[in-house]
Amino acid sequence: DFKVSMLEVYNEAVKDLLVVDADGPGASLEVRVGKGARGAPTVYVEGLVECEVRSLEEVEQLIEMGVTNRHVGSNNFNEHSSRSHLVFTVKIMAVNRTTG
């Protein structure tokens, strides 16, 4: 299984770029620290949507949607510069066929 998520950090707010309402990306999400599968600390974004993908085309469509939802502002150096940070995550889940 492959899952992707896409978020931006803009003005200290974390937004899910794959969930959009009529006014643009939804409410700011919270970054949390929890326990991972093996008990070690892990960082995650509460409420971030992970979309299951089955093809490269689906990944490309989601990237395009996320980029469209980003905040973009201009500055003196680049007319189309983004003042946000984008994080695109791919999760790959595999099962050992021998041990299950």
C-alpha atoms as a PDB file:
ATOM      1  CA  ASP A   1       0.000   0.000   0.000  1.00  0.00           C
ATOM      2  CA  PHE A   2       1.114   3.534  -0.765  1.00  0.00           C
ATOM      3  CA  LYS A   3      -0.291   6.607   0.980  1.00  0.00           C
ATOM      4  CA  VAL A   4       0.598  10.247   0.437  1.00  0.00           C
ATOM      5  CA  SER A   5      -0.013  13.429   2.377  1.00  0.00           C
ATOM      6  CA  MET A   6       0.859  17.038   1.671  1.00  0.00           C
ATOM      7  CA  LEU A   7       1.015  19.951   4.074  1.00  0.00           C
ATOM      8  CA  GLU A   8       2.341  23.465   4.190  1.00  0.00           C
ATOM      9  CA  VAL A   9       3.653  25.588   7.014  1.00  0.00           C
ATOM     10  CA  TYR A  10       2.692  29.204   6.389  1.00  0.00           C
ATOM     11  CA  ASN A  11       2.808  31.976   8.995  1.00  0.00           C
ATOM     12  CA  GLU A  12       3.392  29.322  11.685  1.00  0.00           C
ATOM     13  CA  ALA A  13       0.168  27.486  10.756  1.00  0.00           C
ATOM     14  CA  VAL A  14       0.099  23.911   9.427  1.00  0.00           C
ATOM     15  CA  LYS A  15      -2.466  23.306   6.656  1.00  0.00           C
ATOM     16  CA  ASP A  16      -3.485  20.120   4.873  1.00  0.00           C
ATOM     17  CA  LEU A  17      -3.146  20.856   1.145  1.00  0.00           C
ATOM     18  CA  LEU A  18      -5.204  17.820   0.107  1.00  0.00           C
ATOM     19  CA  VAL A  19      -8.342  18.936   1.971  1.00  0.00           C
ATOM     20  CA  VAL A  20      -9.985  22.079   0.659  1.00  0.00           C
ATOM     21  CA  ASP A  21     -13.217  23.832   1.533  1.00  0.00           C
ATOM     22  CA  ALA A  22     -14.823  26.751  -0.299  1.00  0.00           C
ATOM     23  CA  ASP A  23     -12.384  29.233   1.270  1.00  0.00           C
ATOM     24  CA  GLY A  24      -9.203  27.250   0.582  1.00  0.00           C
ATOM     25  CA  PRO A  25      -7.240  24.896   2.847  1.00  0.00           C
ATOM     26  CA  GLY A  26      -8.987  24.142   6.130  1.00  0.00           C
ATOM     27  CA  ALA A  27      -8.180  25.010   9.731  1.00  0.00           C
ATOM     28  CA  SER A  28      -4.672  24.893  11.124  1.00  0.00           C
ATOM     29  CA  LEU A  29      -3.564  21.438  12.273  1.00  0.00           C
ATOM     30  CA  GLU A  30      -1.510  20.568  15.344  1.00  0.00           C
ATOM     31  CA  VAL A  31       1.912  18.906  15.339  1.00  0.00           C
ATOM     32  CA  ARG A  32       2.079  16.224  18.043  1.00  0.00           C
ATOM     33  CA  VAL A  33       4.619  13.844  19.526  1.00  0.00           C
ATOM     34  CA  GLY A  34       3.396  10.328  20.242  1.00  0.00           C
ATOM     35  CA  LYS A  35       4.622   6.761  20.421  1.00  0.00           C
ATOM     36  CA  GLY A  36       5.446   4.898  17.236  1.00  0.00           C
ATOM     37  CA  ALA A  37       4.835   1.248  16.462  1.00  0.00           C
ATOM     38  CA  ARG A  38       7.878   0.168  18.483  1.00  0.00           C
ATOM     39  CA  GLY A  39       7.327   2.566  21.383  1.00  0.00           C
ATOM     40  CA  ALA A  40       9.833   5.174  20.184  1.00  0.00           C
ATOM     41  CA  PRO A  41       8.747   8.822  19.995  1.00  0.00           C
ATOM     42  CA  THR A  42       7.307   9.898  16.663  1.00  0.00           C
ATOM     43  CA  VAL A  43       6.165  13.255  15.321  1.00  0.00           C
ATOM     44  CA  TYR A  44       2.860  13.473  13.448  1.00  0.00           C
ATOM     45  CA  VAL A  45       0.277  16.017  12.369  1.00  0.00           C
ATOM     46  CA  GLU A  46      -3.092  15.387  13.991  1.00  0.00           C
ATOM     47  CA  GLY A  47      -5.901  15.235  11.429  1.00  0.00           C
ATOM     48  CA  LEU A  48      -3.646  15.185   8.353  1.00  0.00           C
ATOM     49  CA  VAL A  49      -5.326  13.246   5.553  1.00  0.00           C
ATOM     50  CA  GLU A  50      -3.404  10.377   3.968  1.00  0.00           C
ATOM     51  CA  CYS A  51      -4.657   9.462   0.484  1.00  0.00           C
ATOM     52  CA  GLU A  52      -4.152   5.923  -0.763  1.00  0.00           C
ATOM     53  CA  VAL A  53      -2.658   5.888  -4.261  1.00  0.00           C
ATOM     54  CA  ARG A  54      -2.333   3.094  -6.789  1.00  0.00           C
ATOM     55  CA  SER A  55      -0.551   4.779  -9.688  1.00  0.00           C
ATOM     56  CA  LEU A  56       1.931   7.484 -10.537  1.00  0.00           C
ATOM     57  CA  GLU A  57      -0.890   9.386 -12.232  1.00  0.00           C
ATOM     58  CA  GLU A  58      -2.833   9.539  -8.942  1.00  0.00           C
ATOM     59  CA  VAL A  59       0.269  10.853  -7.165  1.00  0.00           C
ATOM     60  CA  GLU A  60       0.758  13.509  -9.844  1.00  0.00           C
ATOM     61  CA  GLN A  61      -2.901  14.606  -9.575  1.00  0.00           C
ATOM     62  CA  LEU A  62      -2.606  14.998  -5.794  1.00  0.00           C
ATOM     63  CA  ILE A  63       0.650  16.945  -6.104  1.00  0.00           C
ATOM     64  CA  GLU A  64      -0.982  19.250  -8.638  1.00  0.00           C
ATOM     65  CA  MET A  65      -3.966  19.802  -6.332  1.00  0.00           C
ATOM     66  CA  GLY A  66      -1.704  20.493  -3.349  1.00  0.00           C
ATOM     67  CA  VAL A  67       0.487  22.931  -5.239  1.00  0.00           C
ATOM     68  CA  THR A  68      -2.632  24.775  -6.409  1.00  0.00           C
ATOM     69  CA  ASN A  69      -3.710  25.162  -2.756  1.00  0.00           C
ATOM     70  CA  ARG A  70      -0.391  26.620  -1.564  1.00  0.00           C
ATOM     71  CA  HIS A  71       0.042  30.206  -0.446  1.00  0.00           C
ATOM     72  CA  VAL A  72       2.233  32.175  -2.831  1.00  0.00           C
ATOM     73  CA  GLY A  73       3.515  35.674  -2.262  1.00  0.00           C
ATOM     74  CA  SER A  74       5.998  37.784  -4.133  1.00  0.00           C
ATOM     75  CA  ASN A  75       9.167  39.386  -2.876  1.00  0.00           C
ATOM     76  CA  ASN A  76      11.934  41.493  -4.383  1.00  0.00           C
ATOM     77  CA  PHE A  77      13.820  38.459  -5.690  1.00  0.00           C
ATOM     78  CA  ASN A  78      11.164  36.298  -7.259  1.00  0.00           C
ATOM     79  CA  GLU A  79       7.711  37.324  -8.400  1.00  0.00           C
ATOM     80  CA  HIS A  80       6.310  33.799  -7.801  1.00  0.00           C
ATOM     81  CA  SER A  81       8.174  32.881  -4.645  1.00  0.00           C
ATOM     82  CA  SER A  82       6.356  30.884  -2.015  1.00  0.00           C
ATOM     83  CA  ARG A  83       6.741  32.056   1.554  1.00  0.00           C
ATOM     84  CA  SER A  84       5.588  28.695   2.841  1.00  0.00           C
ATOM     85  CA  HIS A  85       7.263  25.335   3.395  1.00  0.00           C
ATOM     86  CA  LEU A  86       5.778  22.259   1.757  1.00  0.00           C
ATOM     87  CA  VAL A  87       6.087  18.702   3.079  1.00  0.00           C
ATOM     88  CA  PHE A  88       5.071  15.844   0.788  1.00  0.00           C
ATOM     89  CA  THR A  89       5.135  12.436   2.473  1.00  0.00           C
ATOM     90  CA  VAL A  90       4.928   8.975   0.917  1.00  0.00           C
ATOM     91  CA  LYS A  91       4.200   6.060   3.251  1.00  0.00           C
ATOM     92  CA  ILE A  92       4.949   2.600   1.943  1.00  0.00           C
ATOM     93  CA  MET A  93       3.357  -0.271   3.826  1.00  0.00           C
ATOM     94  CA  ALA A  94       4.715  -3.724   3.068  1.00  0.00           C
ATOM     95  CA  VAL A  95       3.970  -7.143   4.497  1.00  0.00           C
ATOM     96  CA  ASN A  96       6.624  -9.820   4.780  1.00  0.00           C
ATOM     97  CA  ARG A  97       5.155 -12.675   2.758  1.00  0.00           C
ATOM     98  CA  THR A  98       7.035 -15.250   4.835  1.00  0.00           C
ATOM     99  CA  THR A  99       6.158 -14.054   8.333  1.00  0.00           C
ATOM    100  CA  GLY A 100       2.922 -12.196   7.548  1.00  0.00           C
END
